Amino acid sequence: MKLWLVVLHIVLVGTNLWVTAHFQKEPIEDNEFAEFEDFEEEKPNRETVSTSDYSSSHFENIERVNNYEEDDISIEDIDNEFDHFQDEEEFEGLDVTVGNSDIRIEEPSTLKITKVPLHLRARWDSFYLEILMIAGLLVYFINYIAGKSKNYHITETWYIDNKQILVENFSLVGDTGKSIDESIINGPIKESESQYSIYCSGRIGCDSLLIELKLIKRQDLVAVLSQLIRPQNDQAHLRIELGKDETDNFVLAIAAKKTAIHLSKDMADISVYCPEKRSGEKFNLPSGFYVMSEISEAASAILDNKVLQAFNKYTNYIEYIHISDQYSGPKQQEDVTQLTMPEVKKVLFVGLNISIKGHINKAENQEKVRPLLQLTFYILDKLRRFKLSKEGKSKTDKNRLKVEEAFLKTTHAARAEAAAARREERRRAEKKRILQEDDPGKHRKWEEKEQRRLAKKRAPRMKQLKVNAL
């Protein structure tokens, strides 16, 4: 009996599911915007299967499955709610659909679509800045290579043309500082792309000769362009260090106008010993040259007929001649901490123009430079033979004594302070040495000595007057 009841229960449940699937017309959907839709309320049919053959408990189960209870839904009149959408003056140019009614409002569109050009174009004028930059770098690089090569060629040519003169006057020419095994060919030493140096030694009357070839900075494009405004020349600066006892003491400078202003302003020895510039015409020199001499006796002796002829013949190629026994380099700012006189040397400087602006013939330039090298060695030999008179020598000695006294006066306070510092350092060292010893007698003696020194220092100073007896 129980088995039949179970089978009957299963049949009833299947029947209920079949009825639910085939007789429910509209399923309930969860729609949040259902109140804005036009719909008709329909009540689902409630079907109940009743059978007298079943028990009351089976009918209750069937009613729980088939019974669709719906919540009370309040439906408002949507005609009044959307009346403002019917106003044609409120919306223009828009299509609005409200419920079952379509409202069409037309308005001309103000939206503009801009035609955007392509970012990259296949045109060269879009890259003119990049093209100019690359062209400038290319020109600078080409000028660097060409200028560097030209300066090197000028140096080699000058050295080859004048090597014979240097070899005749010096035993060692073009020393590079390397050993004989490592050095194959001695020649100019490269200091920079526009500066070369040649060192010579082994001659009577001097210690050494240093030739500095200062050329135009042809490797620098900016320097090349500046030549259009301020033209310059390639120059050779000869520095000969004289022996200490080979020549007398005096300072003399002969230079062109611009160079003379520079020497008198920047060189310490010329600004101190011969600040006055005299016109070169008084010494039979070409116009444009100035003479700065400590004593006129030395200027007259050096500027003999041979030297004057060279100045008149090669006026544009001679830049300056500087002879000094007090050469200490360019003028330095006054330093009160400097307690000693600067170190000085006896030197002979000669400045020559290798090439003149506007002279295209390079062979002619070299032909005119060779005699000026001979002139330099002629002046060197003349300095060895020249001797000042007693009056001239006395005057030069007085000038150097005055300079030394002036220096001592300006540095007196600094020297006194330095001496006091040295004395104090010695006392501290002595005190430390005595305190390290275990002898109380030495300690007591040192303290008594220190007290006497302090008492003497605090005592007033008295001047002692001497009275001669009648």
Protein backbone atom coordinates (compact mmCIF):
# COMPACT_ATOMS: atom_id res chain seq x y z
CA MET A 1 0.00 0.00 0.00
CA LYS A 2 2.83 2.35 0.86
CA LEU A 3 4.46 1.67 -2.53
CA TRP A 4 1.33 2.75 -4.37
CA LEU A 5 1.16 5.93 -2.34
CA VAL A 6 4.76 6.80 -3.27
CA VAL A 7 4.09 6.16 -6.97
CA LEU A 8 0.92 8.26 -6.82
CA HIS A 9 2.82 11.10 -5.14
CA ILE A 10 5.46 11.10 -7.87
CA VAL A 11 2.75 11.14 -10.59
CA LEU A 12 1.03 14.09 -8.98
CA VAL A 13 4.29 16.09 -8.69
CA GLY A 14 5.09 15.40 -12.39
CA THR A 15 1.58 16.47 -13.36
CA ASN A 16 1.95 19.68 -11.42
CA LEU A 17 5.26 20.50 -13.16
CA TRP A 18 3.73 19.76 -16.58
CA VAL A 19 0.75 22.01 -15.91
CA THR A 20 2.99 24.80 -14.71
CA ALA A 21 5.18 24.60 -17.86
CA HIS A 22 2.32 24.55 -20.37
CA PHE A 23 -0.33 26.80 -18.91
CA GLN A 24 1.66 29.78 -17.51
CA LYS A 25 1.44 32.50 -20.20
CA GLU A 26 3.67 35.29 -18.84
CA PRO A 27 6.55 34.65 -16.48
CA ILE A 28 7.33 37.27 -13.90
CA GLU A 29 10.48 39.21 -14.81
CA ASP A 30 12.59 41.32 -12.51
CA ASN A 31 12.62 44.63 -14.38
CA GLU A 32 13.67 47.79 -12.56
CA PHE A 33 12.29 50.01 -15.31
CA ALA A 34 8.93 48.30 -15.52
CA GLU A 35 7.14 51.43 -14.35
CA PHE A 36 8.30 53.35 -17.43
CA GLU A 37 6.89 50.80 -19.87
CA ASP A 38 3.43 50.69 -21.33
CA PHE A 39 1.96 47.45 -20.17
CA GLU A 40 -1.44 45.87 -19.53
CA GLU A 41 -2.10 44.19 -16.32
CA GLU A 42 -2.93 40.62 -16.78
CA LYS A 43 -3.78 38.24 -14.01
CA PRO A 44 -2.35 34.83 -14.36
CA ASN A 45 -4.84 32.03 -14.31
CA ARG A 46 -4.92 30.11 -11.17
CA GLU A 47 -5.60 26.49 -11.89
CA THR A 48 -6.23 24.04 -9.22
CA VAL A 49 -6.46 20.36 -9.79
CA SER A 50 -8.92 18.74 -7.47
CA THR A 51 -9.37 15.06 -7.19
CA SER A 52 -11.62 13.40 -4.73
CA ASP A 53 -9.50 10.31 -4.71
CA TYR A 54 -6.60 11.96 -2.98
CA SER A 55 -6.12 12.96 0.49
CA SER A 56 -6.27 16.48 1.74
CA SER A 57 -2.49 16.55 2.33
CA HIS A 58 -1.81 15.87 -1.38
CA PHE A 59 -4.12 18.72 -2.43
CA GLU A 60 -2.27 21.11 -0.14
CA ASN A 61 1.10 20.23 -1.79
CA ILE A 62 -0.34 20.78 -5.25
CA GLU A 63 -1.74 24.20 -4.24
CA ARG A 64 1.69 25.31 -2.82
CA VAL A 65 3.35 24.60 -6.20
CA ASN A 66 0.64 26.00 -8.49
CA ASN A 67 -0.42 28.95 -6.45
CA TYR A 68 1.28 32.14 -7.80
CA GLU A 69 0.70 34.88 -5.37
CA GLU A 70 1.31 38.30 -6.82
CA ASP A 71 2.00 41.42 -4.87
CA ASP A 72 -0.35 44.29 -5.19
CA ILE A 73 1.01 46.60 -7.91
CA SER A 74 -0.16 50.16 -7.91
CA ILE A 75 -0.30 51.55 -11.44
CA GLU A 76 -0.35 55.27 -11.85
CA ASP A 77 -1.69 57.15 -14.76
CA ILE A 78 1.35 57.78 -16.98
CA ASP A 79 -0.48 60.22 -19.21
CA ASN A 80 -0.22 62.96 -16.62
CA GLU A 81 3.40 62.12 -15.72
CA PHE A 82 4.80 62.59 -19.25
CA ASP A 83 2.67 65.47 -20.38
CA HIS A 84 5.68 67.80 -20.52
CA PHE A 85 7.21 65.64 -23.26
CA GLN A 86 4.30 66.59 -25.48
CA ASP A 87 5.37 70.24 -25.48
CA GLU A 88 7.05 70.86 -28.87
CA GLU A 89 8.68 74.13 -27.77
CA GLU A 90 10.65 72.52 -24.94
CA PHE A 91 12.73 70.11 -27.06
CA GLU A 92 14.07 70.94 -30.49
CA GLY A 93 16.14 68.80 -32.82
CA LEU A 94 15.76 65.63 -30.70
CA ASP A 95 13.90 62.37 -31.14
CA VAL A 96 12.39 61.33 -27.83
CA THR A 97 10.27 58.25 -27.30
CA VAL A 98 8.11 58.19 -24.19
CA GLY A 99 5.89 55.23 -23.72
CA ASN A 100 3.94 54.60 -26.92
CA SER A 101 4.21 58.22 -28.10
CA ASP A 102 7.02 59.56 -30.34
CA ILE A 103 8.06 63.19 -29.99
CA ARG A 104 10.33 64.49 -32.81
CA ILE A 105 12.05 67.83 -32.26
CA GLU A 106 14.35 69.06 -34.97
CA GLU A 107 17.31 71.45 -34.40
CA PRO A 108 20.27 72.20 -36.72
CA SER A 109 23.50 70.54 -35.49
CA THR A 110 26.35 72.87 -34.34
CA LEU A 111 29.01 70.14 -34.14
CA LYS A 112 32.01 70.89 -36.37
CA ILE A 113 34.57 68.28 -37.37
CA THR A 114 38.05 69.77 -37.78
CA LYS A 115 40.33 68.36 -40.41
CA VAL A 116 43.48 67.35 -38.51
CA PRO A 117 46.63 67.30 -40.70
CA LEU A 118 49.01 64.42 -40.60
CA HIS A 119 51.74 64.72 -37.92
CA LEU A 120 54.56 63.64 -40.21
CA ARG A 121 54.78 64.82 -43.76
CA ALA A 122 57.09 63.73 -46.49
CA ARG A 123 58.40 67.29 -46.91
CA TRP A 124 61.91 68.61 -46.12
CA ASP A 125 60.73 71.99 -44.86
CA SER A 126 59.34 70.30 -41.75
CA PHE A 127 62.89 69.46 -40.61
CA TYR A 128 64.77 72.65 -41.43
CA LEU A 129 66.04 73.06 -37.83
CA GLU A 130 67.44 69.55 -37.79
CA ILE A 131 68.98 70.05 -41.23
CA LEU A 132 70.67 73.30 -40.13
CA MET A 133 72.02 71.65 -36.99
CA ILE A 134 73.45 68.68 -38.88
CA ALA A 135 74.93 70.99 -41.52
CA GLY A 136 76.55 73.15 -38.80
CA LEU A 137 78.08 70.11 -37.10
CA LEU A 138 79.34 68.83 -40.44
CA VAL A 139 80.95 72.18 -41.28
CA TYR A 140 82.54 72.38 -37.80
CA PHE A 141 83.94 68.85 -38.12
CA ILE A 142 85.37 69.51 -41.59
CA ASN A 143 86.90 72.79 -40.41
CA TYR A 144 88.43 71.00 -37.39
CA ILE A 145 90.14 68.40 -39.57
CA ALA A 146 91.32 70.97 -42.13
CA GLY A 147 92.54 73.49 -39.52
CA LYS A 148 94.36 70.84 -37.52
CA SER A 149 96.16 69.58 -40.62
CA LYS A 150 97.08 73.08 -41.76
CA ASN A 151 98.59 74.04 -38.39
CA TYR A 152 100.63 70.86 -38.35
CA HIS A 153 101.84 71.54 -41.90
CA ILE A 154 102.86 75.11 -40.97
CA THR A 155 104.81 73.82 -37.94
CA GLU A 156 106.63 71.15 -39.91
CA THR A 157 107.49 73.60 -42.68
CA TRP A 158 108.84 76.20 -40.23
CA TYR A 159 110.93 73.60 -38.41
CA ILE A 160 112.43 72.18 -41.61
CA ASP A 161 113.27 75.65 -42.96
CA ASN A 162 115.00 76.84 -39.74
CA LYS A 163 116.45 73.60 -38.44
CA GLN A 164 119.84 74.28 -39.98
CA ILE A 165 120.20 77.62 -38.14
CA LEU A 166 119.25 75.98 -34.85
CA VAL A 167 121.67 73.11 -35.37
CA GLU A 168 124.50 75.57 -36.04
CA ASN A 169 123.90 77.36 -32.71
CA PHE A 170 122.86 74.49 -30.40
CA SER A 171 124.16 71.01 -29.89
CA LEU A 172 120.74 69.59 -29.01
CA VAL A 173 117.72 70.62 -31.12
CA GLY A 174 114.16 69.42 -30.78
CA ASP A 175 114.56 67.27 -27.68
CA THR A 176 111.31 65.45 -26.92
CA GLY A 177 112.40 64.26 -23.47
CA LYS A 178 112.57 60.61 -24.57
CA SER A 179 115.60 58.40 -24.57
CA ILE A 180 117.69 57.94 -27.68
CA ASP A 181 116.38 54.40 -28.24
CA GLU A 182 112.71 55.45 -28.14
CA SER A 183 113.09 58.66 -30.09
CA ILE A 184 113.61 58.25 -33.81
CA ILE A 185 113.16 61.82 -35.00
CA ASN A 186 113.31 64.76 -32.61
CA GLY A 187 111.06 67.62 -33.58
CA PRO A 188 108.28 69.95 -32.42
CA ILE A 189 106.29 68.86 -29.37
CA LYS A 190 102.55 69.22 -29.72
CA GLU A 191 101.05 71.18 -26.83
CA SER A 192 97.63 71.65 -28.45
CA GLU A 193 96.11 71.76 -31.92
CA SER A 194 97.41 75.31 -32.38
CA GLN A 195 100.55 75.38 -30.21
CA TYR A 196 103.86 73.56 -30.64
CA SER A 197 107.17 73.87 -28.80
CA ILE A 198 110.80 73.21 -29.71
CA TYR A 199 113.49 72.88 -27.04
CA CYS A 200 117.17 73.55 -27.71
CA SER A 201 120.19 73.53 -25.43
CA GLY A 202 123.98 73.39 -25.56
CA ARG A 203 125.20 76.90 -26.35
CA ILE A 204 127.67 79.27 -24.70
CA GLY A 205 126.08 82.27 -22.99
CA CYS A 206 122.67 80.71 -22.30
CA ASP A 207 121.17 77.73 -20.53
CA SER A 208 118.44 76.85 -23.01
CA LEU A 209 116.16 78.05 -25.79
CA LEU A 210 112.43 77.37 -25.88
CA ILE A 211 110.57 78.18 -29.11
CA GLU A 212 106.77 78.29 -28.85
CA LEU A 213 104.85 78.39 -32.12
CA LYS A 214 101.47 79.94 -31.32
CA LEU A 215 99.35 79.57 -34.44
CA ILE A 216 95.86 80.74 -35.27
CA LYS A 217 93.21 78.38 -33.91
CA ARG A 218 92.20 77.19 -37.34
CA GLN A 219 90.59 74.06 -35.89
CA ASP A 220 88.06 76.24 -34.06
CA LEU A 221 85.31 77.57 -36.33
CA VAL A 222 84.51 80.41 -33.92
CA ALA A 223 88.16 81.54 -33.93
CA VAL A 224 88.20 81.40 -37.74
CA LEU A 225 85.12 83.62 -37.92
CA SER A 226 86.64 86.04 -35.39
CA GLN A 227 89.54 86.52 -37.78
CA LEU A 228 87.19 88.52 -39.98
CA ILE A 229 86.77 91.08 -37.17
CA ARG A 230 90.16 90.92 -35.41
CA PRO A 231 92.78 89.38 -37.69
CA GLN A 232 95.78 87.78 -36.02
CA ASN A 233 99.09 86.33 -37.16
CA ASP A 234 100.94 83.10 -36.53
CA GLN A 235 103.73 83.88 -34.07
CA ALA A 236 106.95 82.34 -32.79
CA HIS A 237 107.98 83.22 -29.23
CA LEU A 238 111.64 82.59 -28.37
CA ARG A 239 112.62 82.38 -24.70
CA ILE A 240 116.35 82.23 -23.94
CA GLU A 241 117.40 81.73 -20.33
CA LEU A 242 120.66 83.58 -19.76
CA GLY A 243 123.47 82.57 -17.43
CA LYS A 244 123.59 84.25 -14.03
CA ASP A 245 127.00 85.86 -14.51
CA GLU A 246 126.93 86.23 -18.27
CA THR A 247 125.19 89.64 -18.54
CA ASP A 248 124.75 92.80 -16.49
CA ASN A 249 121.55 93.67 -14.67
CA PHE A 250 119.05 95.89 -16.51
CA VAL A 251 115.53 95.76 -17.95
CA LEU A 252 114.78 96.73 -21.56
CA ALA A 253 111.77 96.20 -23.82
CA ILE A 254 111.13 97.21 -27.43
CA ALA A 255 107.65 96.42 -28.77
CA ALA A 256 104.89 97.45 -31.13
CA LYS A 257 102.18 99.71 -29.79
CA LYS A 258 99.59 97.09 -28.71
CA THR A 259 102.22 94.75 -27.35
CA ALA A 260 103.95 97.60 -25.48
CA ILE A 261 100.72 98.46 -23.69
CA HIS A 262 100.28 94.81 -22.72
CA LEU A 263 103.87 94.45 -21.44
CA SER A 264 103.85 97.62 -19.36
CA LYS A 265 100.51 96.70 -17.82
CA ASP A 266 100.85 92.96 -17.20
CA MET A 267 104.57 92.17 -16.82
CA ALA A 268 105.86 92.70 -13.28
CA ASP A 269 109.45 93.61 -14.13
CA ILE A 270 108.58 96.17 -16.81
CA SER A 271 105.81 97.80 -14.76
CA VAL A 272 108.20 98.23 -11.81
CA TYR A 273 111.55 99.12 -13.35
CA CYS A 274 110.58 100.92 -16.58
CA PRO A 275 106.94 102.05 -16.56
CA GLU A 276 107.65 104.97 -18.91
CA LYS A 277 107.10 104.36 -22.63
CA ARG A 278 109.18 106.37 -25.09
CA SER A 279 108.56 106.68 -28.79
CA GLY A 280 110.83 104.54 -30.94
CA GLU A 281 111.50 107.43 -33.32
CA LYS A 282 113.84 108.94 -30.71
CA PHE A 283 116.03 105.84 -31.13
CA ASN A 284 115.72 105.79 -34.95
CA LEU A 285 113.15 102.98 -34.86
CA PRO A 286 110.14 102.84 -37.22
CA SER A 287 106.97 104.60 -36.12
CA GLY A 288 104.69 102.38 -34.11
CA PHE A 289 107.41 101.01 -31.83
CA TYR A 290 107.95 102.00 -28.21
CA VAL A 291 111.04 101.67 -26.03
CA MET A 292 110.80 100.93 -22.29
CA SER A 293 114.23 101.05 -20.70
CA GLU A 294 115.47 101.15 -17.14
CA ILE A 295 118.49 103.22 -18.18
CA SER A 296 119.08 104.87 -21.55
CA GLU A 297 122.65 103.54 -21.67
CA ALA A 298 121.42 99.97 -22.20
CA ALA A 299 118.93 100.97 -24.91
CA SER A 300 121.58 102.86 -26.89
CA ALA A 301 124.00 99.94 -26.64
CA ILE A 302 121.55 97.27 -27.79
CA LEU A 303 119.99 99.33 -30.61
CA ASP A 304 123.07 99.55 -32.81
CA ASN A 305 123.08 99.94 -36.60
CA LYS A 306 122.58 96.24 -37.35
CA VAL A 307 119.58 95.96 -35.06
CA LEU A 308 118.07 99.20 -36.39
CA GLN A 309 118.44 97.95 -39.98
CA ALA A 310 116.62 94.75 -39.10
CA PHE A 311 113.78 96.73 -37.47
CA ASN A 312 113.41 98.98 -40.50
CA LYS A 313 113.58 96.11 -43.01
CA TYR A 314 111.34 93.61 -41.18
CA THR A 315 109.01 95.99 -39.37
CA ASN A 316 105.90 93.81 -39.70
CA TYR A 317 107.68 90.64 -38.60
CA ILE A 318 109.13 91.88 -35.29
CA GLU A 319 106.61 91.97 -32.44
CA TYR A 320 108.80 92.63 -29.37
CA ILE A 321 112.23 92.18 -27.74
CA HIS A 322 112.33 91.86 -23.97
CA ILE A 323 115.58 91.71 -21.95
CA SER A 324 115.40 91.43 -18.16
CA ASP A 325 117.30 90.18 -15.13
CA GLN A 326 114.21 90.55 -12.89
CA TYR A 327 111.71 88.47 -14.86
CA SER A 328 109.14 86.81 -12.59
CA GLY A 329 106.25 86.36 -15.01
CA PRO A 330 102.99 88.26 -15.26
CA LYS A 331 102.06 90.71 -12.53
CA GLN A 332 100.30 89.05 -9.62
CA GLN A 333 97.77 90.56 -7.27
CA GLU A 334 99.21 91.87 -4.02
CA ASP A 335 99.38 89.03 -1.55
CA VAL A 336 100.17 90.05 2.03
CA THR A 337 100.87 86.43 2.94
CA GLN A 338 103.89 86.33 0.63
CA LEU A 339 106.90 86.87 2.87
CA THR A 340 109.75 86.51 0.38
CA MET A 341 110.65 88.21 -2.87
CA PRO A 342 109.47 86.32 -5.98
CA GLU A 343 112.09 84.24 -7.77
CA VAL A 344 113.56 86.07 -10.77
CA LYS A 345 115.47 84.91 -13.84
CA LYS A 346 117.66 86.46 -16.52
CA VAL A 347 115.88 86.03 -19.84
CA LEU A 348 115.76 87.25 -23.42
CA PHE A 349 112.37 87.16 -25.13
CA VAL A 350 111.85 87.69 -28.86
CA GLY A 351 108.45 87.64 -30.53
CA LEU A 352 108.24 87.15 -34.31
CA ASN A 353 105.32 87.04 -36.73
CA ILE A 354 105.57 83.92 -38.88
CA SER A 355 102.84 84.94 -41.30
CA ILE A 356 101.39 88.35 -41.99
CA LYS A 357 97.71 88.78 -42.77
CA GLY A 358 97.34 89.55 -46.47
CA HIS A 359 100.76 88.12 -47.47
CA ILE A 360 99.91 85.09 -49.56
CA ASN A 361 103.49 84.15 -50.48
CA LYS A 362 104.52 81.73 -47.70
CA ALA A 363 108.04 81.29 -49.07
CA GLU A 364 108.60 85.04 -48.74
CA ASN A 365 107.45 84.91 -45.11
CA GLN A 366 109.93 82.15 -44.31
CA GLU A 367 112.76 83.98 -46.06
CA LYS A 368 112.16 87.01 -43.85
CA VAL A 369 111.95 85.01 -40.63
CA ARG A 370 115.37 83.35 -41.03
CA PRO A 371 117.35 86.63 -40.69
CA LEU A 372 115.38 87.45 -37.55
CA LEU A 373 116.58 84.21 -35.95
CA GLN A 374 120.11 85.28 -36.74
CA LEU A 375 119.28 88.66 -35.18
CA THR A 376 118.22 86.91 -31.97
CA PHE A 377 121.55 85.13 -31.64
CA TYR A 378 123.35 88.38 -32.48
CA ILE A 379 121.61 90.14 -29.57
CA LEU A 380 122.47 87.19 -27.32
CA ASP A 381 126.17 87.51 -28.13
CA LYS A 382 126.00 91.29 -27.70
CA LEU A 383 124.55 90.92 -24.20
CA ARG A 384 127.56 88.83 -23.17
CA ARG A 385 129.97 91.51 -24.37
CA PHE A 386 128.05 94.53 -23.10
CA LYS A 387 129.05 95.97 -19.71
CA LEU A 388 127.37 98.86 -17.93
CA SER A 389 129.32 101.86 -16.75
CA LYS A 390 129.87 102.48 -13.06
CA GLU A 391 127.09 105.09 -12.96
CA GLY A 392 124.68 102.80 -14.78
CA LYS A 393 125.50 99.83 -12.61
CA SER A 394 125.13 101.91 -9.46
CA LYS A 395 121.74 103.15 -10.65
CA THR A 396 120.45 99.67 -11.36
CA ASP A 397 121.63 98.45 -7.95
CA LYS A 398 119.83 101.32 -6.23
CA ASN A 399 116.64 100.54 -8.13
CA ARG A 400 116.68 96.93 -6.98
CA LEU A 401 117.41 97.97 -3.41
CA LYS A 402 114.43 100.34 -3.42
CA VAL A 403 112.14 97.61 -4.73
CA GLU A 404 113.33 95.25 -2.02
CA GLU A 405 112.80 97.84 0.73
CA ALA A 406 109.31 98.63 -0.54
CA PHE A 407 108.48 94.95 -0.49
CA LEU A 408 109.78 94.57 3.07
CA LYS A 409 107.66 97.52 4.24
CA THR A 410 104.49 96.14 2.74
CA THR A 411 105.10 92.72 4.27
CA HIS A 412 106.48 93.90 7.63
CA ALA A 413 103.29 93.15 9.58
CA ALA A 414 102.90 89.75 7.96
CA ARG A 415 106.54 88.86 8.63
CA ALA A 416 106.28 90.01 12.28
CA GLU A 417 103.17 87.88 12.74
CA ALA A 418 104.88 84.90 11.15
CA ALA A 419 107.95 85.36 13.39
CA ALA A 420 105.73 85.55 16.50
CA ALA A 421 103.96 82.38 15.42
CA ARG A 422 107.29 80.59 15.01
CA ARG A 423 108.48 81.73 18.47
CA GLU A 424 105.23 80.58 20.06
CA GLU A 425 105.57 77.23 18.34
CA ARG A 426 109.10 76.82 19.71
CA ARG A 427 107.91 77.66 23.26
CA ARG A 428 105.10 75.11 23.06
CA ALA A 429 107.53 72.47 21.84
CA GLU A 430 109.96 73.28 24.70
CA LYS A 431 107.18 73.19 27.30
CA LYS A 432 105.97 69.86 26.04
CA ARG A 433 109.49 68.43 26.14
CA ILE A 434 110.11 69.62 29.76
CA LEU A 435 106.73 68.42 31.04
CA GLN A 436 107.45 64.96 29.71
CA GLU A 437 110.47 64.75 32.00
CA ASP A 438 110.07 63.70 35.65
CA ASP A 439 112.47 66.30 37.06
CA PRO A 440 110.58 68.85 39.26
CA GLY A 441 113.62 71.13 39.29
CA LYS A 442 113.47 71.64 35.52
CA HIS A 443 109.74 72.31 35.75
CA ARG A 444 110.31 75.00 38.37
CA LYS A 445 113.13 76.64 36.40
CA TRP A 446 111.06 76.73 33.21
CA GLU A 447 108.11 78.35 35.05
CA GLU A 448 110.39 81.01 36.56
CA LYS A 449 111.86 81.74 33.14
CA GLU A 450 108.40 82.05 31.63
CA GLN A 451 107.29 84.44 34.39
CA ARG A 452 110.31 86.69 33.87
CA ARG A 453 109.58 86.78 30.15
CA LEU A 454 105.96 87.77 30.70
CA ALA A 455 106.93 90.45 33.25
CA LYS A 456 109.45 91.92 30.83
CA LYS A 457 106.83 91.93 28.10
CA ARG A 458 104.30 93.79 30.31
CA ALA A 459 106.84 96.36 31.57
CA PRO A 460 106.73 99.82 29.90
CA ARG A 461 109.49 100.59 27.46
CA MET A 462 111.84 103.43 28.36
CA LYS A 463 114.06 105.35 26.01
CA GLN A 464 117.63 105.85 27.16
CA LEU A 465 119.18 109.24 26.48
CA LYS A 466 122.90 109.80 26.32
CA VAL A 467 124.29 113.11 27.55
CA ASN A 468 127.76 114.09 26.45
CA ALA A 469 129.96 115.43 29.22
CA LEU A 470 131.36 118.98 28.87
